[in-house]
Amino acid sequence: PHNTHRPATAMSDVEDDEMGDAPPPPKEVKKVEEVGEMYNMPIHALKLCYGLRWSSEAGKKADLDLTAMCFGHDGTLLDVVFHGCMASKNN
């Protein structure tokens, strides 16, 4: 593959150009907990839920609407783009 040596980045230029705007969340994703378990990575309070209420590791509530999840060519979760109650990180 031509992208074998490509470093992992938060956004994929190729996918971004093809999509234009942020792609919709993958239909397979049910809970952010499952996403974290599937990809064995921490999901922090600012990178979370798909219409769900989430408690961060510190026990702080966050109620965010996830607008996009970016997956790498190898299927790993790279980043999420969201909007919602950003101030919840301080509450």
PDB file of N, CA and C in Angstrom:
ATOM      1  N   PRO A   1       0.837  -1.225   0.000  1.00  0.00           N
ATOM      2  CA  PRO A   1       0.000   0.000   0.000  1.00  0.00           C
ATOM      3  C   PRO A   1       0.856   1.253   0.000  1.00  0.00           C
ATOM      4  N   HIS A   2       0.389   2.270  -0.648  1.00  0.00           N
ATOM      5  CA  HIS A   2       1.181   3.484  -0.754  1.00  0.00           C
ATOM      6  C   HIS A   2       1.180   4.278   0.543  1.00  0.00           C
ATOM      7  N   ASN A   3       0.259   3.980   1.434  1.00  0.00           N
ATOM      8  CA  ASN A   3       0.155   4.768   2.659  1.00  0.00           C
ATOM      9  C   ASN A   3       0.730   4.024   3.865  1.00  0.00           C
ATOM     10  N   THR A   4       1.536   3.016   3.628  1.00  0.00           N
ATOM     11  CA  THR A   4       2.081   2.209   4.717  1.00  0.00           C
ATOM     12  C   THR A   4       2.907   3.058   5.675  1.00  0.00           C
ATOM     13  N   HIS A   5       3.707   3.961   5.138  1.00  0.00           N
ATOM     14  CA  HIS A   5       4.615   4.735   5.979  1.00  0.00           C
ATOM     15  C   HIS A   5       4.012   6.047   6.433  1.00  0.00           C
ATOM     16  N   ARG A   6       2.755   6.241   6.136  1.00  0.00           N
ATOM     17  CA  ARG A   6       2.118   7.495   6.503  1.00  0.00           C
ATOM     18  C   ARG A   6       1.896   7.556   8.014  1.00  0.00           C
ATOM     19  N   PRO A   7       2.315   8.626   8.677  1.00  0.00           N
ATOM     20  CA  PRO A   7       2.124   8.740  10.129  1.00  0.00           C
ATOM     21  C   PRO A   7       0.649   8.880  10.494  1.00  0.00           C
ATOM     22  N   ALA A   8       0.317   8.442  11.678  1.00  0.00           N
ATOM     23  CA  ALA A   8      -1.068   8.556  12.134  1.00  0.00           C
ATOM     24  C   ALA A   8      -1.370  10.006  12.475  1.00  0.00           C
ATOM     25  N   THR A   9      -2.395  10.539  11.847  1.00  0.00           N
ATOM     26  CA  THR A   9      -2.784  11.919  12.122  1.00  0.00           C
ATOM     27  C   THR A   9      -4.247  11.961  12.504  1.00  0.00           C
ATOM     28  N   ALA A  10      -4.662  13.082  13.052  1.00  0.00           N
ATOM     29  CA  ALA A  10      -6.040  13.205  13.523  1.00  0.00           C
ATOM     30  C   ALA A  10      -7.027  13.197  12.361  1.00  0.00           C
ATOM     31  N   MET A  11      -6.600  13.714  11.217  1.00  0.00           N
ATOM     32  CA  MET A  11      -7.495  13.780  10.070  1.00  0.00           C
ATOM     33  C   MET A  11      -6.822  13.118   8.870  1.00  0.00           C
ATOM     34  N   SER A  12      -7.624  12.494   8.022  1.00  0.00           N
ATOM     35  CA  SER A  12      -7.083  11.889   6.818  1.00  0.00           C
ATOM     36  C   SER A  12      -7.333  12.826   5.649  1.00  0.00           C
ATOM     37  N   ASP A  13      -6.284  13.260   5.016  1.00  0.00           N
ATOM     38  CA  ASP A  13      -6.433  14.190   3.899  1.00  0.00           C
ATOM     39  C   ASP A  13      -7.234  13.561   2.768  1.00  0.00           C
ATOM     40  N   VAL A  14      -6.982  12.300   2.511  1.00  0.00           N
ATOM     41  CA  VAL A  14      -7.675  11.627   1.417  1.00  0.00           C
ATOM     42  C   VAL A  14      -9.165  11.546   1.705  1.00  0.00           C
ATOM     43  N   GLU A  15      -9.509  11.055   2.896  1.00  0.00           N
ATOM     44  CA  GLU A  15     -10.917  10.931   3.246  1.00  0.00           C
ATOM     45  C   GLU A  15     -11.576  12.298   3.312  1.00  0.00           C
ATOM     46  N   ASP A  16     -10.831  13.282   3.821  1.00  0.00           N
ATOM     47  CA  ASP A  16     -11.385  14.617   3.967  1.00  0.00           C
ATOM     48  C   ASP A  16     -11.729  15.206   2.608  1.00  0.00           C
ATOM     49  N   ASP A  17     -10.848  14.991   1.618  1.00  0.00           N
ATOM     50  CA  ASP A  17     -11.094  15.529   0.290  1.00  0.00           C
ATOM     51  C   ASP A  17     -12.295  14.846  -0.355  1.00  0.00           C
ATOM     52  N   GLU A  18     -12.408  13.552  -0.142  1.00  0.00           N
ATOM     53  CA  GLU A  18     -13.506  12.820  -0.759  1.00  0.00           C
ATOM     54  C   GLU A  18     -14.842  13.187  -0.129  1.00  0.00           C
ATOM     55  N   MET A  19     -14.839  13.334   1.180  1.00  0.00           N
ATOM     56  CA  MET A  19     -16.077  13.611   1.882  1.00  0.00           C
ATOM     57  C   MET A  19     -16.478  15.079   1.783  1.00  0.00           C
ATOM     58  N   GLY A  20     -15.493  15.965   1.803  1.00  0.00           N
ATOM     59  CA  GLY A  20     -15.804  17.389   1.822  1.00  0.00           C
ATOM     60  C   GLY A  20     -16.074  17.798   3.255  1.00  0.00           C
ATOM     61  N   ASP A  21     -17.284  17.578   3.709  1.00  0.00           N
ATOM     62  CA  ASP A  21     -17.627  17.849   5.104  1.00  0.00           C
ATOM     63  C   ASP A  21     -17.320  16.612   5.941  1.00  0.00           C
ATOM     64  N   ALA A  22     -17.455  16.761   7.250  1.00  0.00           N
ATOM     65  CA  ALA A  22     -17.197  15.632   8.141  1.00  0.00           C
ATOM     66  C   ALA A  22     -18.174  14.499   7.842  1.00  0.00           C
ATOM     67  N   PRO A  23     -17.686  13.271   7.757  1.00  0.00           N
ATOM     68  CA  PRO A  23     -18.554  12.124   7.481  1.00  0.00           C
ATOM     69  C   PRO A  23     -19.458  11.816   8.661  1.00  0.00           C
ATOM     70  N   PRO A  24     -20.575  11.159   8.414  1.00  0.00           N
ATOM     71  CA  PRO A  24     -21.479  10.775   9.510  1.00  0.00           C
ATOM     72  C   PRO A  24     -20.833   9.701  10.366  1.00  0.00           C
ATOM     73  N   PRO A  25     -21.267   9.564  11.611  1.00  0.00           N
ATOM     74  CA  PRO A  25     -20.700   8.537  12.487  1.00  0.00           C
ATOM     75  C   PRO A  25     -20.950   7.149  11.917  1.00  0.00           C
ATOM     76  N   PRO A  26     -20.026   6.231  12.108  1.00  0.00           N
ATOM     77  CA  PRO A  26     -20.224   4.853  11.642  1.00  0.00           C
ATOM     78  C   PRO A  26     -21.476   4.258  12.257  1.00  0.00           C
ATOM     79  N   LYS A  27     -22.257   3.545  11.446  1.00  0.00           N
ATOM     80  CA  LYS A  27     -23.515   2.995  11.935  1.00  0.00           C
ATOM     81  C   LYS A  27     -23.287   1.871  12.941  1.00  0.00           C
ATOM     82  N   GLU A  28     -22.103   1.266  12.905  1.00  0.00           N
ATOM     83  CA  GLU A  28     -21.845   0.136  13.794  1.00  0.00           C
ATOM     84  C   GLU A  28     -21.622   0.572  15.233  1.00  0.00           C
ATOM     85  N   VAL A  29     -21.217   1.802  15.433  1.00  0.00           N
ATOM     86  CA  VAL A  29     -20.899   2.268  16.782  1.00  0.00           C
ATOM     87  C   VAL A  29     -22.174   2.411  17.608  1.00  0.00           C
ATOM     88  N   LYS A  30     -22.220   1.772  18.750  1.00  0.00           N
ATOM     89  CA  LYS A  30     -23.393   1.828  19.610  1.00  0.00           C
ATOM     90  C   LYS A  30     -23.132   2.675  20.843  1.00  0.00           C
ATOM     91  N   LYS A  31     -22.064   2.388  21.538  1.00  0.00           N
ATOM     92  CA  LYS A  31     -21.713   3.149  22.739  1.00  0.00           C
ATOM     93  C   LYS A  31     -20.240   3.506  22.680  1.00  0.00           C
ATOM     94  N   VAL A  32     -19.929   4.656  23.232  1.00  0.00           N
ATOM     95  CA  VAL A  32     -18.529   5.075  23.215  1.00  0.00           C
ATOM     96  C   VAL A  32     -17.666   4.134  24.051  1.00  0.00           C
ATOM     97  N   GLU A  33     -18.275   3.495  25.059  1.00  0.00           N
ATOM     98  CA  GLU A  33     -17.537   2.506  25.839  1.00  0.00           C
ATOM     99  C   GLU A  33     -17.065   1.378  24.931  1.00  0.00           C
ATOM    100  N   GLU A  34     -17.953   0.949  24.025  1.00  0.00           N
ATOM    101  CA  GLU A  34     -17.616  -0.145  23.127  1.00  0.00           C
ATOM    102  C   GLU A  34     -16.525   0.266  22.159  1.00  0.00           C
ATOM    103  N   VAL A  35     -16.566   1.518  21.739  1.00  0.00           N
ATOM    104  CA  VAL A  35     -15.524   2.027  20.849  1.00  0.00           C
ATOM    105  C   VAL A  35     -14.177   1.977  21.553  1.00  0.00           C
ATOM    106  N   GLY A  36     -14.154   2.435  22.799  1.00  0.00           N
ATOM    107  CA  GLY A  36     -12.915   2.424  23.562  1.00  0.00           C
ATOM    108  C   GLY A  36     -12.384   1.016  23.750  1.00  0.00           C
ATOM    109  N   GLU A  37     -13.286   0.066  23.993  1.00  0.00           N
ATOM    110  CA  GLU A  37     -12.860  -1.308  24.199  1.00  0.00           C
ATOM    111  C   GLU A  37     -12.377  -1.930  22.894  1.00  0.00           C
ATOM    112  N   MET A  38     -13.094  -1.653  21.810  1.00  0.00           N
ATOM    113  CA  MET A  38     -12.728  -2.233  20.523  1.00  0.00           C
ATOM    114  C   MET A  38     -11.334  -1.812  20.095  1.00  0.00           C
ATOM    115  N   TYR A  39     -11.016  -0.528  20.319  1.00  0.00           N
ATOM    116  CA  TYR A  39      -9.738  -0.020  19.841  1.00  0.00           C
ATOM    117  C   TYR A  39      -8.716   0.126  20.955  1.00  0.00           C
ATOM    118  N   ASN A  40      -9.080  -0.348  22.166  1.00  0.00           N
ATOM    119  CA  ASN A  40      -8.149  -0.358  23.289  1.00  0.00           C
ATOM    120  C   ASN A  40      -7.493   1.006  23.493  1.00  0.00           C
ATOM    121  N   MET A  41      -8.312   2.042  23.537  1.00  0.00           N
ATOM    122  CA  MET A  41      -7.775   3.376  23.729  1.00  0.00           C
ATOM    123  C   MET A  41      -8.663   4.153  24.675  1.00  0.00           C
ATOM    124  N   PRO A  42      -8.102   5.106  25.422  1.00  0.00           N
ATOM    125  CA  PRO A  42      -8.913   5.921  26.324  1.00  0.00           C
ATOM    126  C   PRO A  42      -9.795   6.877  25.548  1.00  0.00           C
ATOM    127  N   ILE A  43     -11.015   7.043  26.020  1.00  0.00           N
ATOM    128  CA  ILE A  43     -11.906   8.024  25.423  1.00  0.00           C
ATOM    129  C   ILE A  43     -12.148   9.052  26.509  1.00  0.00           C
ATOM    130  N   HIS A  44     -11.678  10.249  26.293  1.00  0.00           N
ATOM    131  CA  HIS A  44     -11.752  11.277  27.324  1.00  0.00           C
ATOM    132  C   HIS A  44     -13.060  12.058  27.237  1.00  0.00           C
ATOM    133  N   ALA A  45     -13.300  12.865  28.240  1.00  0.00           N
ATOM    134  CA  ALA A  45     -14.567  13.567  28.370  1.00  0.00           C
ATOM    135  C   ALA A  45     -14.864  14.466  27.179  1.00  0.00           C
ATOM    136  N   LEU A  46     -13.821  14.916  26.475  1.00  0.00           N
ATOM    137  CA  LEU A  46     -14.059  15.803  25.346  1.00  0.00           C
ATOM    138  C   LEU A  46     -14.116  15.063  24.021  1.00  0.00           C
ATOM    139  N   LYS A  47     -14.001  13.745  24.067  1.00  0.00           N
ATOM    140  CA  LYS A  47     -14.072  12.987  22.827  1.00  0.00           C
ATOM    141  C   LYS A  47     -15.064  11.867  23.023  1.00  0.00           C
ATOM    142  N   LEU A  48     -16.323  12.203  23.129  1.00  0.00           N
ATOM    143  CA  LEU A  48     -17.201  11.127  23.479  1.00  0.00           C
ATOM    144  C   LEU A  48     -18.499  10.999  22.775  1.00  0.00           C
ATOM    145  N   CYS A  49     -19.575  11.043  23.494  1.00  0.00           N
ATOM    146  CA  CYS A  49     -20.683  10.189  23.224  1.00  0.00           C
ATOM    147  C   CYS A  49     -21.480  10.538  21.991  1.00  0.00           C
ATOM    148  N   TYR A  50     -22.148   9.503  21.531  1.00  0.00           N
ATOM    149  CA  TYR A  50     -22.992   9.583  20.352  1.00  0.00           C
ATOM    150  C   TYR A  50     -24.429   9.633  20.862  1.00  0.00           C
ATOM    151  N   GLY A  51     -24.839  10.810  21.334  1.00  0.00           N
ATOM    152  CA  GLY A  51     -26.181  10.954  21.874  1.00  0.00           C
ATOM    153  C   GLY A  51     -26.366  10.269  23.215  1.00  0.00           C
ATOM    154  N   LEU A  52     -25.272  10.042  23.932  1.00  0.00           N
ATOM    155  CA  LEU A  52     -25.361   9.382  25.231  1.00  0.00           C
ATOM    156  C   LEU A  52     -24.767  10.273  26.304  1.00  0.00           C
ATOM    157  N   ARG A  53     -25.169  10.020  27.543  1.00  0.00           N
ATOM    158  CA  ARG A  53     -24.557  10.734  28.658  1.00  0.00           C
ATOM    159  C   ARG A  53     -23.351   9.922  29.122  1.00  0.00           C
ATOM    160  N   TRP A  54     -22.279  10.602  29.418  1.00  0.00           N
ATOM    161  CA  TRP A  54     -21.024   9.917  29.720  1.00  0.00           C
ATOM    162  C   TRP A  54     -20.397  10.504  30.964  1.00  0.00           C
ATOM    163  N   SER A  55     -19.846   9.652  31.799  1.00  0.00           N
ATOM    164  CA  SER A  55     -19.081  10.114  32.954  1.00  0.00           C
ATOM    165  C   SER A  55     -17.604   9.922  32.658  1.00  0.00           C
ATOM    166  N   SER A  56     -16.837  10.970  32.806  1.00  0.00           N
ATOM    167  CA  SER A  56     -15.404  10.857  32.574  1.00  0.00           C
ATOM    168  C   SER A  56     -14.760  10.104  33.728  1.00  0.00           C
ATOM    169  N   GLU A  57     -13.462   9.858  33.602  1.00  0.00           N
ATOM    170  CA  GLU A  57     -12.757   9.120  34.647  1.00  0.00           C
ATOM    171  C   GLU A  57     -12.833   9.856  35.976  1.00  0.00           C
ATOM    172  N   ALA A  58     -12.903  11.168  35.925  1.00  0.00           N
ATOM    173  CA  ALA A  58     -12.969  11.973  37.140  1.00  0.00           C
ATOM    174  C   ALA A  58     -14.390  12.032  37.698  1.00  0.00           C
ATOM    175  N   GLY A  59     -15.333  11.400  36.996  1.00  0.00           N
ATOM    176  CA  GLY A  59     -16.705  11.392  37.465  1.00  0.00           C
ATOM    177  C   GLY A  59     -17.491  12.612  37.027  1.00  0.00           C
ATOM    178  N   LYS A  60     -16.900  13.426  36.157  1.00  0.00           N
ATOM    179  CA  LYS A  60     -17.592  14.617  35.679  1.00  0.00           C
ATOM    180  C   LYS A  60     -18.549  14.235  34.558  1.00  0.00           C
ATOM    181  N   LYS A  61     -19.742  14.799  34.618  1.00  0.00           N
ATOM    182  CA  LYS A  61     -20.731  14.488  33.598  1.00  0.00           C
ATOM    183  C   LYS A  61     -20.467  15.297  32.335  1.00  0.00           C
ATOM    184  N   ALA A  62     -20.700  14.684  31.224  1.00  0.00           N
ATOM    185  CA  ALA A  62     -20.597  15.383  29.952  1.00  0.00           C
ATOM    186  C   ALA A  62     -21.716  14.881  29.054  1.00  0.00           C
ATOM    187  N   ASP A  63     -22.419  15.783  28.440  1.00  0.00           N
ATOM    188  CA  ASP A  63     -23.519  15.391  27.569  1.00  0.00           C
ATOM    189  C   ASP A  63     -23.289  16.054  26.220  1.00  0.00           C
ATOM    190  N   LEU A  64     -22.581  15.374  25.352  1.00  0.00           N
ATOM    191  CA  LEU A  64     -22.166  15.957  24.088  1.00  0.00           C
ATOM    192  C   LEU A  64     -22.796  15.221  22.918  1.00  0.00           C
ATOM    193  N   ASP A  65     -22.941  15.934  21.817  1.00  0.00           N
ATOM    194  CA  ASP A  65     -23.420  15.308  20.591  1.00  0.00           C
ATOM    195  C   ASP A  65     -22.232  15.102  19.665  1.00  0.00           C
ATOM    196  N   LEU A  66     -21.944  13.867  19.384  1.00  0.00           N
ATOM    197  CA  LEU A  66     -20.839  13.555  18.494  1.00  0.00           C
ATOM    198  C   LEU A  66     -21.296  13.726  17.052  1.00  0.00           C
ATOM    199  N   THR A  67     -20.538  14.487  16.282  1.00  0.00           N
ATOM    200  CA  THR A  67     -20.936  14.730  14.907  1.00  0.00           C
ATOM    201  C   THR A  67     -20.149  13.903  13.911  1.00  0.00           C
ATOM    202  N   ALA A  68     -18.984  13.453  14.283  1.00  0.00           N
ATOM    203  CA  ALA A  68     -18.194  12.656  13.349  1.00  0.00           C
ATOM    204  C   ALA A  68     -17.134  11.860  14.090  1.00  0.00           C
ATOM    205  N   MET A  69     -16.835  10.681  13.562  1.00  0.00           N
ATOM    206  CA  MET A  69     -15.748   9.881  14.097  1.00  0.00           C
ATOM    207  C   MET A  69     -14.822   9.563  12.938  1.00  0.00           C
ATOM    208  N   CYS A  70     -13.546   9.828  13.105  1.00  0.00           N
ATOM    209  CA  CYS A  70     -12.590   9.636  12.024  1.00  0.00           C
ATOM    210  C   CYS A  70     -11.816   8.343  12.246  1.00  0.00           C
ATOM    211  N   PHE A  71     -11.898   7.436  11.284  1.00  0.00           N
ATOM    212  CA  PHE A  71     -11.187   6.172  11.376  1.00  0.00           C
ATOM    213  C   PHE A  71     -10.031   6.146  10.392  1.00  0.00           C
ATOM    214  N   GLY A  72      -8.917   5.566  10.817  1.00  0.00           N
ATOM    215  CA  GLY A  72      -7.764   5.426   9.935  1.00  0.00           C
ATOM    216  C   GLY A  72      -7.991   4.322   8.920  1.00  0.00           C
ATOM    217  N   HIS A  73      -7.091   4.221   7.950  1.00  0.00           N
ATOM    218  CA  HIS A  73      -7.232   3.209   6.906  1.00  0.00           C
ATOM    219  C   HIS A  73      -7.141   1.805   7.476  1.00  0.00           C
ATOM    220  N   ASP A  74      -6.532   1.670   8.657  1.00  0.00           N
ATOM    221  CA  ASP A  74      -6.417   0.355   9.275  1.00  0.00           C
ATOM    222  C   ASP A  74      -7.553   0.086  10.246  1.00  0.00           C
ATOM    223  N   GLY A  75      -8.506   1.002  10.323  1.00  0.00           N
ATOM    224  CA  GLY A  75      -9.679   0.775  11.150  1.00  0.00           C
ATOM    225  C   GLY A  75      -9.580   1.327  12.550  1.00  0.00           C
ATOM    226  N   THR A  76      -8.461   1.956  12.896  1.00  0.00           N
ATOM    227  CA  THR A  76      -8.331   2.491  14.241  1.00  0.00           C
ATOM    228  C   THR A  76      -9.040   3.828  14.366  1.00  0.00           C
ATOM    229  N   LEU A  77      -9.554   4.082  15.533  1.00  0.00           N
ATOM    230  CA  LEU A  77     -10.235   5.342  15.795  1.00  0.00           C
ATOM    231  C   LEU A  77      -9.189   6.429  15.991  1.00  0.00           C
ATOM    232  N   LEU A  78      -9.215   7.440  15.123  1.00  0.00           N
ATOM    233  CA  LEU A  78      -8.206   8.485  15.186  1.00  0.00           C
ATOM    234  C   LEU A  78      -8.684   9.685  15.975  1.00  0.00           C
ATOM    235  N   ASP A  79      -9.897  10.113  15.716  1.00  0.00           N
ATOM    236  CA  ASP A  79     -10.342  11.340  16.352  1.00  0.00           C
ATOM    237  C   ASP A  79     -11.850  11.454  16.205  1.00  0.00           C
ATOM    238  N   VAL A  80     -12.430  12.344  16.982  1.00  0.00           N
ATOM    239  CA  VAL A  80     -13.840  12.629  16.844  1.00  0.00           C
ATOM    240  C   VAL A  80     -14.028  14.129  16.730  1.00  0.00           C
ATOM    241  N   VAL A  81     -15.073  14.502  16.038  1.00  0.00           N
ATOM    242  CA  VAL A  81     -15.437  15.906  15.931  1.00  0.00           C
ATOM    243  C   VAL A  81     -16.829  16.024  16.525  1.00  0.00           C
ATOM    244  N   PHE A  82     -17.015  16.956  17.428  1.00  0.00           N
ATOM    245  CA  PHE A  82     -18.280  17.009  18.136  1.00  0.00           C
ATOM    246  C   PHE A  82     -18.716  18.438  18.387  1.00  0.00           C
ATOM    247  N   HIS A  83     -19.970  18.568  18.744  1.00  0.00           N
ATOM    248  CA  HIS A  83     -20.469  19.843  19.230  1.00  0.00           C
ATOM    249  C   HIS A  83     -21.354  19.534  20.423  1.00  0.00           C
ATOM    250  N   GLY A  84     -21.626  20.523  21.237  1.00  0.00           N
ATOM    251  CA  GLY A  84     -22.482  20.269  22.383  1.00  0.00           C
ATOM    252  C   GLY A  84     -22.046  21.078  23.576  1.00  0.00           C
ATOM    253  N   CYS A  85     -22.264  20.508  24.753  1.00  0.00           N
ATOM    254  CA  CYS A  85     -22.018  21.245  25.988  1.00  0.00           C
ATOM    255  C   CYS A  85     -20.541  21.187  26.349  1.00  0.00           C
ATOM    256  N   MET A  86     -19.750  22.008  25.678  1.00  0.00           N
ATOM    257  CA  MET A  86     -18.311  21.993  25.914  1.00  0.00           C
ATOM    258  C   MET A  86     -17.984  22.342  27.364  1.00  0.00           C
ATOM    259  N   ALA A  87     -18.797  23.188  27.971  1.00  0.00           N
ATOM    260  CA  ALA A  87     -18.527  23.642  29.336  1.00  0.00           C
ATOM    261  C   ALA A  87     -18.651  22.506  30.347  1.00  0.00           C
ATOM    262  N   SER A  88     -19.231  21.392  29.922  1.00  0.00           N
ATOM    263  CA  SER A  88     -19.431  20.285  30.853  1.00  0.00           C
ATOM    264  C   SER A  88     -18.110  19.753  31.391  1.00  0.00           C
ATOM    265  N   LYS A  89     -17.011  20.016  30.686  1.00  0.00           N
ATOM    266  CA  LYS A  89     -15.721  19.526  31.170  1.00  0.00           C
ATOM    267  C   LYS A  89     -15.335  20.187  32.486  1.00  0.00           C
ATOM    268  N   ASN A  90     -15.901  21.347  32.765  1.00  0.00           N
ATOM    269  CA  ASN A  90     -15.558  22.074  33.985  1.00  0.00           C
ATOM    270  C   ASN A  90     -16.608  21.916  35.083  1.00  0.00           C
ATOM    271  N   ASN A  91     -17.672  21.184  34.785  1.00  0.00           N
ATOM    272  CA  ASN A  91     -18.739  21.071  35.777  1.00  0.00           C
ATOM    273  C   ASN A  91     -18.571  19.797  36.600  1.00  0.00           C
TER     274      ASN A  91
END
